Amino acid sequence: MRLISETEERTTRTPAGLMAGLAAPSQGSNQISTWRVEMAADVDSPLHVITADQIWSITEGTWEFTVEGETVKATAGQTVVLAADEARQFRVVSGPGGAIVAMLPTGQAGAPGNDARQSLPWAQ
């Protein structure tokens, strides 16, 4: 068993929001990564793809996810499953927004139409 606490060194801040790493290979979890996300209302994430499925469990606010042209809204207590390799963008429409995200640690991010991929530091 392992108890993991958030730390500043495993927290990443971007113009879109905050990602605080929780379970990950660097913390003793080899098969799943989890992190906490905070976003302010009316801030768009970049349009991107992820090479692994992601599970977004909403803890605060109302989120809007657009995947391959289809848009859904999710609120606290709901979970959104995003399939690998689908172009996605999300935002908090009523917030602030909070979520816990789970993914295989091997998932990588990139821009649609570009083969370049990078690991997510908070999932490592």
Foldseek 3Di string as FASTA:
>chain_A
DFAWDWDPVLWDQDPFWIWTWTDAVVRPDQFKTKIKTWGAAPRKDDWKFKQWKKKKAWQWAWKWKAWPRDIDIDGHPDIDIDGGPITMMMGGHTGRTMIMMMTTQPMWMDHPPDPDTDGDSSRD
